[in-house]
Protein backbone atom coordinates (compact mmCIF):
# COMPACT_ATOMS: atom_id res chain seq x y z
CA MET A 1 -8.26 -2.28 3.23
CA ALA A 2 -9.55 1.30 3.69
CA ASP A 3 -8.23 1.88 0.39
CA LYS A 4 -11.59 1.27 -1.49
CA TYR A 5 -13.37 3.99 1.00
CA VAL A 6 -10.51 6.65 0.28
CA CYS A 7 -10.83 6.14 -3.62
CA ALA A 8 -14.42 6.21 -3.38
CA ILE A 9 -14.28 9.50 -1.69
CA LEU A 10 -12.13 10.98 -3.97
CA MET A 11 -14.60 9.86 -7.06
CA LEU A 12 -17.33 11.49 -5.43
CA THR A 13 -15.43 14.62 -4.65
CA LEU A 14 -14.12 14.73 -8.42
CA ALA A 15 -18.01 14.24 -9.46
CA GLY A 16 -19.05 17.32 -7.51
CA LYS A 17 -20.88 15.27 -4.78
CA ALA A 18 -19.91 15.45 -0.90
CA PRO A 19 -19.08 12.22 0.21
CA SER A 20 -21.16 10.73 2.57
CA ALA A 21 -21.71 7.06 3.65
CA LYS A 22 -24.79 6.20 1.55
CA GLY A 23 -22.96 7.93 -1.59
CA VAL A 24 -19.77 5.69 -0.72
CA LYS A 25 -21.91 2.15 -0.15
CA ASP A 26 -24.11 3.03 -3.34
CA LEU A 27 -20.83 3.87 -5.20
CA LEU A 28 -19.02 0.41 -3.88
CA THR A 29 -22.18 -1.76 -4.16
CA ALA A 30 -22.77 -0.86 -7.86
CA GLY A 31 -18.96 -1.81 -8.38
CA GLY A 32 -19.98 -5.19 -6.87
CA ILE A 33 -17.53 -4.27 -4.07
CA SER A 34 -18.47 -5.18 -0.58
CA VAL A 35 -18.74 -2.98 2.04
CA ASP A 36 -17.63 -3.33 5.74
CA GLU A 37 -20.21 -0.23 7.57
CA LYS A 38 -17.48 0.19 10.61
CA GLU A 39 -14.51 0.66 8.30
CA MET A 40 -16.21 3.12 6.26
CA LYS A 41 -17.61 5.23 8.85
CA PHE A 42 -14.13 5.48 10.26
CA VAL A 43 -12.65 6.27 7.05
CA LEU A 44 -15.24 8.74 6.59
CA SER A 45 -14.84 10.31 10.00
CA ALA A 46 -10.81 10.66 9.32
CA ALA A 47 -11.62 12.59 5.89
CA GLU A 48 -14.32 14.83 7.34
CA GLY A 49 -13.62 18.99 6.95
CA LYS A 50 -10.48 17.92 4.45
CA SER A 51 -10.18 18.83 1.22
CA VAL A 52 -8.85 16.12 -1.30
CA GLU A 53 -4.93 18.07 -1.66
CA GLU A 54 -4.84 17.64 2.29
CA LEU A 55 -5.84 14.27 1.72
CA ILE A 56 -3.69 13.37 -0.69
CA LYS A 57 -0.48 15.28 1.30
CA GLU A 58 -1.12 13.05 4.37
CA GLY A 59 -1.17 9.99 2.40
CA THR A 60 1.58 10.59 0.85
CA GLY A 61 3.49 11.50 4.06
CA LYS A 62 2.13 8.17 5.23
CA LEU A 63 3.35 6.30 2.40
CA GLU A 64 6.87 8.22 2.63
CA VAL A 65 7.46 6.65 6.11
CA SER A 66 6.43 3.17 5.34
CA GLY A 67 9.10 2.66 2.42
CA GLY A 68 9.12 0.97 -0.24
CA GLY A 69 10.70 -2.44 1.03
CA GLY A 70 9.64 -4.97 -2.20
CA GLY A 71 11.30 -3.51 -4.32
CA ALA A 72 13.91 -5.72 -4.75
CA ALA A 73 12.26 -9.18 -5.11
CA PRO A 74 10.39 -8.37 -8.07
CA ALA A 75 13.60 -7.08 -9.82
CA ALA A 76 15.65 -10.34 -8.93
CA ALA A 77 12.61 -12.20 -10.24
CA ALA A 78 12.97 -10.56 -13.25
CA ALA A 79 16.39 -11.54 -13.38
CA GLY A 80 15.78 -15.16 -12.98
CA GLY A 81 13.04 -14.54 -15.82
CA ALA A 82 15.77 -12.95 -17.94
CA ALA A 83 18.31 -16.00 -17.56
CA GLU A 84 15.75 -18.52 -18.11
CA ALA A 85 14.29 -16.63 -21.38
CA GLY A 86 17.92 -16.61 -22.59
CA ALA A 87 18.21 -20.30 -21.90
CA ALA A 88 15.45 -21.21 -23.86
CA ALA A 89 16.21 -18.99 -27.15
CA ALA A 90 19.70 -20.71 -27.35
CA ALA A 91 17.94 -24.17 -27.31
CA PRO A 92 16.50 -25.05 -30.70
CA LYS A 93 13.23 -24.96 -31.16
CA LYS A 94 11.04 -27.99 -32.87
CA GLU A 95 8.03 -27.00 -34.59
CA GLU A 96 5.56 -29.23 -35.74
CA VAL A 97 3.98 -28.85 -39.07
CA GLU A 98 0.68 -30.50 -39.57
CA GLU A 99 0.02 -31.21 -43.04
CA GLU A 100 -3.80 -30.47 -44.39
CA GLU A 101 -5.69 -33.34 -45.18
CA GLU A 102 -7.48 -32.95 -48.67
CA GLU A 103 -9.84 -35.71 -48.48
CA GLY A 104 -12.20 -33.45 -46.64
CA MET A 105 -11.68 -30.72 -49.13
CA ASP A 106 -14.77 -31.71 -51.34
CA PHE A 107 -17.43 -29.12 -50.02
CA ASP A 108 -18.48 -26.93 -52.39
CA LEU A 109 -20.26 -23.80 -50.43
CA PHE A 110 -21.89 -22.67 -53.65
CA GLY A 111 -22.87 -25.56 -55.61
């Protein structure tokens, strides 16, 4: 899960600060996010000497290669949910109306 380190590097860069191990660690721990020192150092070394634009370009290429694989399952689930919603709409709804009791209405706030 190196994404959090990449995001921290990008946030530091946007803030005008040079990304460093201390900066990344401080940023993440301030947000309550745990830090794996080994993983953080690996990401920092991979990003060292590269601009934000280069990192985004490399990352986009990697995302394109990995494909999108999971797109069909949520669509199928959404279709199933729509069918259930249609069935629920067709079923008559029984509303229970609670009547207020007037016995406890003797309370007068100002008197």
